[in-house]
C-alpha atoms as a PDB file:
ATOM      1  CA  MET A   1      60.346 -30.428 149.270  1.00  0.00           C
ATOM      2  CA  HIS A   2      57.540 -28.251 150.689  1.00  0.00           C
ATOM      3  CA  ARG A   3      59.115 -25.148 149.099  1.00  0.00           C
ATOM      4  CA  THR A   4      59.301 -26.907 145.760  1.00  0.00           C
ATOM      5  CA  ARG A   5      55.630 -27.896 145.906  1.00  0.00           C
ATOM      6  CA  ARG A   6      54.636 -24.393 146.974  1.00  0.00           C
ATOM      7  CA  ALA A   7      56.605 -22.801 144.127  1.00  0.00           C
ATOM      8  CA  PHE A   8      55.058 -25.213 141.669  1.00  0.00           C
ATOM      9  CA  ALA A   9      51.562 -24.381 142.931  1.00  0.00           C
ATOM     10  CA  VAL A  10      52.166 -20.645 142.641  1.00  0.00           C
ATOM     11  CA  ALA A  11      53.511 -21.045 139.111  1.00  0.00           C
ATOM     12  CA  LEU A  12      50.498 -23.116 138.152  1.00  0.00           C
ATOM     13  CA  VAL A  13      48.096 -20.449 139.462  1.00  0.00           C
ATOM     14  CA  LEU A  14      49.948 -17.688 137.623  1.00  0.00           C
ATOM     15  CA  LEU A  15      49.863 -19.710 134.420  1.00  0.00           C
ATOM     16  CA  CYS A  16      46.107 -20.127 134.739  1.00  0.00           C
ATOM     17  CA  ILE A  17      45.291 -16.487 135.445  1.00  0.00           C
ATOM     18  CA  ALA A  18      47.767 -14.967 132.978  1.00  0.00           C
ATOM     19  CA  PRO A  19      45.323 -15.025 130.008  1.00  0.00           C
ATOM     20  CA  VAL A  20      42.690 -13.332 132.188  1.00  0.00           C
ATOM     21  CA  LEU A  21      45.096 -10.603 133.276  1.00  0.00           C
ATOM     22  CA  GLN A  22      46.239 -10.098 129.708  1.00  0.00           C
ATOM     23  CA  ALA A  23      42.654  -9.780 128.487  1.00  0.00           C
ATOM     24  CA  GLN A  24      42.025  -7.082 131.079  1.00  0.00           C
ATOM     25  CA  GLN A  25      44.890  -4.918 129.769  1.00  0.00           C
ATOM     26  CA  PRO A  26      43.664  -1.978 127.712  1.00  0.00           C
ATOM     27  CA  SER A  27      44.286  -2.498 123.993  1.00  0.00           C
ATOM     28  CA  VAL A  28      46.205   0.126 122.053  1.00  0.00           C
ATOM     29  CA  ALA A  29      44.264   1.200 118.986  1.00  0.00           C
ATOM     30  CA  PRO A  30      46.334   1.578 115.796  1.00  0.00           C
ATOM     31  CA  VAL A  31      46.955   5.158 114.740  1.00  0.00           C
ATOM     32  CA  THR A  32      44.843   6.167 111.762  1.00  0.00           C
ATOM     33  CA  LEU A  33      46.117   9.057 109.689  1.00  0.00           C
ATOM     34  CA  SER A  34      44.341  11.031 106.997  1.00  0.00           C
ATOM     35  CA  PRO A  35      46.155  11.165 103.650  1.00  0.00           C
ATOM     36  CA  GLU A  36      47.216  14.725 104.445  1.00  0.00           C
ATOM     37  CA  GLU A  37      48.605  13.697 107.837  1.00  0.00           C
ATOM     38  CA  MET A  38      50.399  10.686 106.398  1.00  0.00           C
ATOM     39  CA  ASP A  39      51.960  12.867 103.697  1.00  0.00           C
ATOM     40  CA  VAL A  40      53.313  15.312 106.300  1.00  0.00           C
ATOM     41  CA  PHE A  41      54.590  12.436 108.456  1.00  0.00           C
ATOM     42  CA  LEU A  42      56.519  10.786 105.636  1.00  0.00           C
ATOM     43  CA  ARG A  43      58.038  14.080 104.543  1.00  0.00           C
ATOM     44  CA  THR A  44      59.031  15.471 107.932  1.00  0.00           C
ATOM     45  CA  ALA A  45      59.197  12.796 110.654  1.00  0.00           C
ATOM     46  CA  ALA A  46      62.670  12.161 112.035  1.00  0.00           C
ATOM     47  CA  ILE A  47      64.438   9.026 110.826  1.00  0.00           C
ATOM     48  CA  LYS A  48      65.347   7.169 113.996  1.00  0.00           C
ATOM     49  CA  ARG A  49      66.704   3.863 112.674  1.00  0.00           C
ATOM     50  CA  LYS A  50      67.656   2.416 109.299  1.00  0.00           C
ATOM     51  CA  ALA A  51      68.389  -1.122 108.182  1.00  0.00           C
ATOM     52  CA  ARG A  52      68.599  -3.009 104.901  1.00  0.00           C
ATOM     53  CA  ALA A  53      65.275  -4.566 103.929  1.00  0.00           C
ATOM     54  CA  GLY A  54      65.384  -8.322 103.579  1.00  0.00           C
ATOM     55  CA  LYS A  55      64.327  -8.679  99.942  1.00  0.00           C
ATOM     56  CA  GLY A  56      64.888  -7.011  96.611  1.00  0.00           C
ATOM     57  CA  VAL A  57      67.861  -5.779  94.658  1.00  0.00           C
ATOM     58  CA  THR A  58      67.215  -2.035  94.736  1.00  0.00           C
ATOM     59  CA  ASP A  59      69.083  -1.214  97.974  1.00  0.00           C
ATOM     60  CA  THR A  60      65.837  -0.758  99.839  1.00  0.00           C
ATOM     61  CA  ILE A  61      66.072   0.604 103.383  1.00  0.00           C
ATOM     62  CA  ARG A  62      63.541  -0.049 106.100  1.00  0.00           C
ATOM     63  CA  ALA A  63      63.467   2.972 108.396  1.00  0.00           C
ATOM     64  CA  THR A  64      61.651   3.828 111.598  1.00  0.00           C
ATOM     65  CA  LEU A  65      60.210   7.352 111.556  1.00  0.00           C
ATOM     66  CA  SER A  66      58.853   9.330 114.476  1.00  0.00           C
ATOM     67  CA  ASP A  67      57.435  12.819 114.911  1.00  0.00           C
ATOM     68  CA  GLY A  68      57.290  12.557 118.705  1.00  0.00           C
ATOM     69  CA  ARG A  69      53.661  11.465 118.633  1.00  0.00           C
ATOM     70  CA  ILE A  70      53.549   8.754 116.000  1.00  0.00           C
ATOM     71  CA  THR A  71      56.162   6.101 115.223  1.00  0.00           C
ATOM     72  CA  HIS A  72      55.926   4.031 112.081  1.00  0.00           C
ATOM     73  CA  ASP A  73      58.206   2.319 109.562  1.00  0.00           C
ATOM     74  CA  ALA A  74      58.770   3.390 105.990  1.00  0.00           C
ATOM     75  CA  GLN A  75      60.608   2.122 102.940  1.00  0.00           C
ATOM     76  CA  ILE A  76      63.348   4.353 101.544  1.00  0.00           C
ATOM     77  CA  GLN A  77      64.663   3.951  98.010  1.00  0.00           C
ATOM     78  CA  THR A  78      67.238   6.176  96.331  1.00  0.00           C
ATOM     79  CA  ILE A  79      68.073   4.027  93.319  1.00  0.00           C
ATOM     80  CA  ASP A  80      68.089   5.949  90.039  1.00  0.00           C
ATOM     81  CA  ILE A  81      69.695   4.007  87.196  1.00  0.00           C
ATOM     82  CA  ALA A  82      69.348   4.486  83.450  1.00  0.00           C
ATOM     83  CA  LYS A  83      71.068   2.242  80.890  1.00  0.00           C
ATOM     84  CA  THR A  84      70.870   2.090  77.116  1.00  0.00           C
ATOM     85  CA  LEU A  85      71.065  -1.704  77.338  1.00  0.00           C
ATOM     86  CA  PHE A  86      70.488  -3.839  80.418  1.00  0.00           C
ATOM     87  CA  SER A  87      71.003  -7.606  80.554  1.00  0.00           C
ATOM     88  CA  SER A  88      69.927  -9.957  83.305  1.00  0.00           C
ATOM     89  CA  GLY A  89      70.442 -13.618  82.594  1.00  0.00           C
ATOM     90  CA  LYS A  90      68.817 -14.443  79.252  1.00  0.00           C
ATOM     91  CA  ALA A  91      66.698 -11.282  79.271  1.00  0.00           C
ATOM     92  CA  SER A  92      67.780  -7.898  77.990  1.00  0.00           C
ATOM     93  CA  GLU A  93      66.070  -4.525  77.775  1.00  0.00           C
ATOM     94  CA  THR A  94      66.824  -1.282  75.956  1.00  0.00           C
ATOM     95  CA  ASN A  95      66.314   2.116  77.576  1.00  0.00           C
ATOM     96  CA  PHE A  96      66.306   0.463  80.994  1.00  0.00           C
ATOM     97  CA  LYS A  97      65.388   2.502  84.060  1.00  0.00           C
ATOM     98  CA  ASP A  98      65.236   1.606  87.733  1.00  0.00           C
ATOM     99  CA  SER A  99      64.212   4.669  89.707  1.00  0.00           C
ATOM    100  CA  TRP A 100      62.757   5.736  93.034  1.00  0.00           C
ATOM    101  CA  ARG A 101      60.629   8.189  91.011  1.00  0.00           C
ATOM    102  CA  PHE A 102      58.335   5.421  89.824  1.00  0.00           C
ATOM    103  CA  ASN A 103      57.252   4.455  93.345  1.00  0.00           C
ATOM    104  CA  ILE A 104      55.824   7.938  93.701  1.00  0.00           C
ATOM    105  CA  GLY A 105      54.378   7.810  90.201  1.00  0.00           C
ATOM    106  CA  GLY A 106      52.678   4.503  90.975  1.00  0.00           C
ATOM    107  CA  TYR A 107      51.060   5.877  94.109  1.00  0.00           C
ATOM    108  CA  GLN A 108      49.886   9.077  92.455  1.00  0.00           C
ATOM    109  CA  LEU A 109      48.472   7.242  89.451  1.00  0.00           C
ATOM    110  CA  GLY A 110      46.687   4.832  91.775  1.00  0.00           C
ATOM    111  CA  ARG A 111      45.050   7.772  93.529  1.00  0.00           C
ATOM    112  CA  LEU A 112      43.786   9.154  90.236  1.00  0.00           C
ATOM    113  CA  LEU A 113      42.249   5.757  89.502  1.00  0.00           C
ATOM    114  CA  GLY A 114      40.637   5.419  92.926  1.00  0.00           C
ATOM    115  CA  MET A 115      42.906   2.543  93.939  1.00  0.00           C
ATOM    116  CA  ASN A 116      43.529   2.389  97.675  1.00  0.00           C
ATOM    117  CA  ASN A 117      45.936  -0.553  97.758  1.00  0.00           C
ATOM    118  CA  ILE A 118      49.146   1.212  96.708  1.00  0.00           C
ATOM    119  CA  PRO A 119      51.017   2.613  99.707  1.00  0.00           C
ATOM    120  CA  MET A 120      51.649   6.346  99.885  1.00  0.00           C
ATOM    121  CA  SER A 121      55.072   7.332  98.574  1.00  0.00           C
ATOM    122  CA  VAL A 122      56.519  10.849  98.728  1.00  0.00           C
ATOM    123  CA  LYS A 123      59.637  12.620  97.540  1.00  0.00           C
ATOM    124  CA  ARG A 124      62.109  13.484 100.275  1.00  0.00           C
ATOM    125  CA  THR A 125      65.827  14.187 100.648  1.00  0.00           C
ATOM    126  CA  VAL A 126      67.564  11.465 102.652  1.00  0.00           C
ATOM    127  CA  ASP A 127      71.300  11.647 103.313  1.00  0.00           C
ATOM    128  CA  ALA A 128      71.608  14.399 100.698  1.00  0.00           C
ATOM    129  CA  MET A 129      69.923  12.227  98.043  1.00  0.00           C
ATOM    130  CA  ASP A 130      66.500  12.408  96.439  1.00  0.00           C
ATOM    131  CA  ALA A 131      64.434   9.453  97.634  1.00  0.00           C
ATOM    132  CA  ALA A 132      61.005   7.860  97.632  1.00  0.00           C
ATOM    133  CA  VAL A 133      59.799   7.382 101.196  1.00  0.00           C
ATOM    134  CA  THR A 134      56.934   4.899 101.245  1.00  0.00           C
ATOM    135  CA  TRP A 135      54.571   3.894 104.031  1.00  0.00           C
ATOM    136  CA  TRP A 136      55.406   0.409 105.335  1.00  0.00           C
ATOM    137  CA  ILE A 137      52.446  -1.986 105.081  1.00  0.00           C
ATOM    138  CA  ASP A 138      51.247  -3.371 108.434  1.00  0.00           C
ATOM    139  CA  ASP A 139      49.600  -6.726 109.203  1.00  0.00           C
ATOM    140  CA  VAL A 140      51.081  -8.600 106.257  1.00  0.00           C
ATOM    141  CA  GLN A 141      50.332 -12.307 106.444  1.00  0.00           C
ATOM    142  CA  PHE A 142      52.272 -13.357 103.345  1.00  0.00           C
ATOM    143  CA  ASP A 143      53.397 -12.280  99.909  1.00  0.00           C
ATOM    144  CA  GLU A 144      52.100 -13.814  96.685  1.00  0.00           C
ATOM    145  CA  GLN A 145      54.479 -16.736  96.974  1.00  0.00           C
ATOM    146  CA  GLY A 146      53.142 -17.427 100.446  1.00  0.00           C
ATOM    147  CA  ARG A 147      49.549 -17.212  99.223  1.00  0.00           C
ATOM    148  CA  MET A 148      50.217 -19.835  96.575  1.00  0.00           C
ATOM    149  CA  LYS A 149      51.418 -22.211  99.270  1.00  0.00           C
ATOM    150  CA  GLN A 150      48.149 -21.939 101.213  1.00  0.00           C
ATOM    151  CA  GLU A 151      45.649 -24.761 101.074  1.00  0.00           C
ATOM    152  CA  ASN A 152      42.982 -22.096 100.536  1.00  0.00           C
ATOM    153  CA  ARG A 153      44.595 -19.691  98.084  1.00  0.00           C
ATOM    154  CA  GLN A 154      41.466 -17.590  97.622  1.00  0.00           C
ATOM    155  CA  GLY A 155      40.871 -16.733 101.274  1.00  0.00           C
ATOM    156  CA  PRO A 156      37.484 -16.309 102.961  1.00  0.00           C
ATOM    157  CA  ASN A 157      36.030 -14.360 100.022  1.00  0.00           C
ATOM    158  CA  PRO A 158      37.232 -15.928  96.736  1.00  0.00           C
ATOM    159  CA  GLU A 159      35.304 -13.460  94.554  1.00  0.00           C
ATOM    160  CA  ARG A 160      36.922 -10.458  96.248  1.00  0.00           C
ATOM    161  CA  THR A 161      40.352 -12.056  95.887  1.00  0.00           C
ATOM    162  CA  SER A 162      39.870 -12.719  92.165  1.00  0.00           C
ATOM    163  CA  LYS A 163      38.610  -9.154  91.605  1.00  0.00           C
ATOM    164  CA  GLN A 164      41.690  -7.708  93.291  1.00  0.00           C
ATOM    165  CA  ILE A 165      43.975  -9.832  91.135  1.00  0.00           C
ATOM    166  CA  ALA A 166      42.081  -8.767  87.984  1.00  0.00           C
ATOM    167  CA  ASN A 167      42.538  -5.084  88.820  1.00  0.00           C
ATOM    168  CA  ARG A 168      46.231  -5.650  89.567  1.00  0.00           C
ATOM    169  CA  LEU A 169      46.733  -7.098  86.085  1.00  0.00           C
ATOM    170  CA  VAL A 170      45.122  -4.000  84.557  1.00  0.00           C
ATOM    171  CA  PHE A 171      47.261  -1.642  86.609  1.00  0.00           C
ATOM    172  CA  ASP A 172      50.484  -3.440  85.716  1.00  0.00           C
ATOM    173  CA  GLU A 173      49.654  -3.196  82.022  1.00  0.00           C
ATOM    174  CA  LEU A 174      48.949   0.498  82.408  1.00  0.00           C
ATOM    175  CA  ILE A 175      52.323   1.211  84.049  1.00  0.00           C
ATOM    176  CA  GLN A 176      54.074  -1.480  81.989  1.00  0.00           C
ATOM    177  CA  ASN A 177      55.528  -3.058  85.096  1.00  0.00           C
ATOM    178  CA  ARG A 178      58.281  -5.392  83.939  1.00  0.00           C
ATOM    179  CA  ASP A 179      59.364  -6.352  87.433  1.00  0.00           C
ATOM    180  CA  ARG A 180      56.175  -7.587  89.097  1.00  0.00           C
ATOM    181  CA  ASN A 181      57.135 -10.584  91.182  1.00  0.00           C
ATOM    182  CA  THR A 182      55.726 -12.536  94.109  1.00  0.00           C
ATOM    183  CA  GLY A 183      57.729 -10.479  96.606  1.00  0.00           C
ATOM    184  CA  ASN A 184      56.057  -7.175  95.763  1.00  0.00           C
ATOM    185  CA  LEU A 185      52.501  -8.454  96.006  1.00  0.00           C
ATOM    186  CA  LEU A 186      51.555  -8.423  99.686  1.00  0.00           C
ATOM    187  CA  TRP A 187      48.404  -9.843 101.289  1.00  0.00           C
ATOM    188  CA  THR A 188      47.397  -8.412 104.643  1.00  0.00           C
ATOM    189  CA  LYS A 189      45.496 -10.388 107.248  1.00  0.00           C
ATOM    190  CA  ASP A 190      42.165  -9.071 105.964  1.00  0.00           C
ATOM    191  CA  TRP A 191      43.033 -10.468 102.505  1.00  0.00           C
ATOM    192  CA  THR A 192      43.681  -7.099 100.891  1.00  0.00           C
ATOM    193  CA  LEU A 193      46.212  -7.165  98.049  1.00  0.00           C
ATOM    194  CA  TRP A 194      48.841  -4.400  98.254  1.00  0.00           C
ATOM    195  CA  LEU A 195      51.005  -3.449  95.283  1.00  0.00           C
ATOM    196  CA  ILE A 196      54.502  -2.263  96.201  1.00  0.00           C
ATOM    197  CA  ASP A 197      57.850  -1.508  94.546  1.00  0.00           C
ATOM    198  CA  HIS A 198      57.342   0.029  91.111  1.00  0.00           C
ATOM    199  CA  THR A 199      60.913   1.200  90.456  1.00  0.00           C
ATOM    200  CA  ARG A 200      61.131  -0.738  87.170  1.00  0.00           C
ATOM    201  CA  ALA A 201      57.750   0.291  85.799  1.00  0.00           C
ATOM    202  CA  PHE A 202      56.593   3.156  83.568  1.00  0.00           C
ATOM    203  CA  ARG A 203      58.354   2.011  80.425  1.00  0.00           C
ATOM    204  CA  LEU A 204      57.765   3.783  77.120  1.00  0.00           C
ATOM    205  CA  GLY A 205      56.353   0.721  75.364  1.00  0.00           C
ATOM    206  CA  ARG A 206      53.535   1.370  72.918  1.00  0.00           C
ATOM    207  CA  GLU A 207      52.060  -2.134  73.149  1.00  0.00           C
ATOM    208  CA  LEU A 208      50.519  -4.107  75.985  1.00  0.00           C
ATOM    209  CA  MET A 209      52.645  -6.878  77.474  1.00  0.00           C
ATOM    210  CA  LYS A 210      50.113  -9.658  78.118  1.00  0.00           C
ATOM    211  CA  PRO A 211      46.650  -8.395  77.202  1.00  0.00           C
ATOM    212  CA  ASP A 212      45.175 -11.899  77.212  1.00  0.00           C
ATOM    213  CA  LEU A 213      45.565 -11.971  81.009  1.00  0.00           C
ATOM    214  CA  MET A 214      43.173  -9.035  81.333  1.00  0.00           C
ATOM    215  CA  THR A 215      39.837 -10.820  81.330  1.00  0.00           C
ATOM    216  CA  ARG A 216      37.833  -8.712  83.816  1.00  0.00           C
ATOM    217  CA  CYS A 217      37.876  -5.176  85.182  1.00  0.00           C
ATOM    218  CA  ASP A 218      36.183  -3.141  87.878  1.00  0.00           C
ATOM    219  CA  ARG A 219      33.620  -0.752  86.388  1.00  0.00           C
ATOM    220  CA  ALA A 220      34.886   2.140  88.499  1.00  0.00           C
ATOM    221  CA  LEU A 221      38.489   1.469  87.447  1.00  0.00           C
ATOM    222  CA  LEU A 222      37.546   1.383  83.771  1.00  0.00           C
ATOM    223  CA  GLN A 223      35.622   4.636  84.136  1.00  0.00           C
ATOM    224  CA  ALA A 224      38.599   6.257  85.867  1.00  0.00           C
ATOM    225  CA  LEU A 225      40.869   5.088  83.072  1.00  0.00           C
ATOM    226  CA  ARG A 226      38.629   6.786  80.546  1.00  0.00           C
ATOM    227  CA  GLY A 227      38.923  10.017  82.523  1.00  0.00           C
ATOM    228  CA  LEU A 228      42.724  10.215  82.632  1.00  0.00           C
ATOM    229  CA  THR A 229      44.211  13.285  80.957  1.00  0.00           C
ATOM    230  CA  PHE A 230      47.717  14.561  80.461  1.00  0.00           C
ATOM    231  CA  GLU A 231      46.837  17.633  82.523  1.00  0.00           C
ATOM    232  CA  GLY A 232      45.711  15.450  85.388  1.00  0.00           C
ATOM    233  CA  LEU A 233      48.789  13.263  85.243  1.00  0.00           C
ATOM    234  CA  ASN A 234      51.092  16.255  85.019  1.00  0.00           C
ATOM    235  CA  LYS A 235      49.483  17.908  88.026  1.00  0.00           C
ATOM    236  CA  ALA A 236      49.727  14.740  90.114  1.00  0.00           C
ATOM    237  CA  MET A 237      53.202  13.557  89.222  1.00  0.00           C
ATOM    238  CA  GLY A 238      54.863  15.989  86.839  1.00  0.00           C
ATOM    239  CA  ASP A 239      57.626  16.597  89.364  1.00  0.00           C
ATOM    240  CA  VAL A 240      58.820  12.981  89.205  1.00  0.00           C
ATOM    241  CA  MET A 241      57.697  11.766  85.763  1.00  0.00           C
ATOM    242  CA  SER A 242      58.734  12.876  82.291  1.00  0.00           C
ATOM    243  CA  LYS A 243      56.290  13.917  79.574  1.00  0.00           C
ATOM    244  CA  ASP A 244      57.228  10.872  77.540  1.00  0.00           C
ATOM    245  CA  GLU A 245      56.472   8.575  80.482  1.00  0.00           C
ATOM    246  CA  MET A 246      53.091  10.166  81.088  1.00  0.00           C
ATOM    247  CA  ASN A 247      52.173  10.113  77.409  1.00  0.00           C
ATOM    248  CA  ALA A 248      53.084   6.409  77.294  1.00  0.00           C
ATOM    249  CA  VAL A 249      50.640   5.809  80.155  1.00  0.00           C
ATOM    250  CA  LEU A 250      47.887   7.500  78.162  1.00  0.00           C
ATOM    251  CA  LEU A 251      48.694   5.529  75.042  1.00  0.00           C
ATOM    252  CA  ARG A 252      48.496   2.231  76.946  1.00  0.00           C
ATOM    253  CA  ARG A 253      45.305   3.499  78.605  1.00  0.00           C
ATOM    254  CA  ASP A 254      43.753   3.779  75.152  1.00  0.00           C
ATOM    255  CA  LEU A 255      44.722   0.190  74.361  1.00  0.00           C
ATOM    256  CA  ILE A 256      43.344  -1.108  77.669  1.00  0.00           C
ATOM    257  CA  VAL A 257      40.022   0.705  77.254  1.00  0.00           C
ATOM    258  CA  LYS A 258      39.680  -0.613  73.704  1.00  0.00           C
ATOM    259  CA  HIS A 259      40.563  -4.103  74.932  1.00  0.00           C
ATOM    260  CA  PHE A 260      37.707  -4.101  77.442  1.00  0.00           C
ATOM    261  CA  ASP A 261      35.249  -2.365  75.147  1.00  0.00           C
ATOM    262  CA  ASP A 262      35.872  -5.115  72.600  1.00  0.00           C
ATOM    263  CA  ARG A 263      35.428  -7.832  75.243  1.00  0.00           C
ATOM    264  CA  VAL A 264      32.169  -6.308  76.446  1.00  0.00           C
ATOM    265  CA  ALA A 265      30.867  -6.128  72.880  1.00  0.00           C
ATOM    266  CA  ARG A 266      31.836  -9.742  72.295  1.00  0.00           C
ATOM    267  CA  LEU A 267      31.029 -11.398  75.655  1.00  0.00           C
ATOM    268  CA  GLY A 268      28.652  -9.031  77.404  1.00  0.00           C
ATOM    269  CA  GLU A 269      29.132  -6.609  80.264  1.00  0.00           C
ATOM    270  CA  ALA A 270      28.106  -9.103  82.959  1.00  0.00           C
ATOM    271  CA  VAL A 271      30.971 -11.407  81.994  1.00  0.00           C
ATOM    272  CA  VAL A 272      33.669  -8.737  81.723  1.00  0.00           C
ATOM    273  CA  LEU A 273      32.892  -6.005  84.238  1.00  0.00           C
ATOM    274  CA  PHE A 274      32.351  -6.196  87.983  1.00  0.00           C
ATOM    275  CA  THR A 275      31.873  -3.958  91.009  1.00  0.00           C
ATOM    276  CA  MET A 276      34.248  -4.247  93.943  1.00  0.00           C
END
């Protein structure tokens, strides 16, 4: 009986001091890489483990990479499908493509536009196949479906949240993303919206999909859109994108710029444009 009481007392003391001891442990700061360092890491770090990612239909692999100093996960996609006609349920599409190339194209185009919420994606050979290797997003609290289930869907800064969503709608029109779904819109714990998985984007369509959804735009993003050139696109992503695909981006860019110029003329700049 005495031993039981003594053991209980010791356990109670340990339970009380555990939070104090834990707080005294040195915290490990997350590794911060420059874009150049991250690029080298994704291209050259050894692939230690691979497993099927939980969502999606594009045979996505979640891999753990390490260069001996840094260890971090990445997404690997090797899918590269082209079909004259593709049917899925009631929907069908001509000249269908589902390709790893477009993940890299999405990242590179985002860089040209000054967008920092598209994870870096690089071309690399994995298991003798060309692949897009993409930085895995840390600190995700939920995807778009999860956000819509929250009591407070707009987070601590509703204006910032709405601005991020507005810019996302512009970007998806630019790349003609026909596969944007709640699973590839990720919200990190700081309420930053990350855009992932663009394998079914970059169609050749010469019209905007849903222009009425584009009601507002960041001034800096609109200015960057105006500055896009074929030479700039070709330099950034000519190794993974065709000329037709890049020209289609520029054609849709013209439509988007005209769309917002018309809205500004009709409603006023203060209503249409914002600064992040």
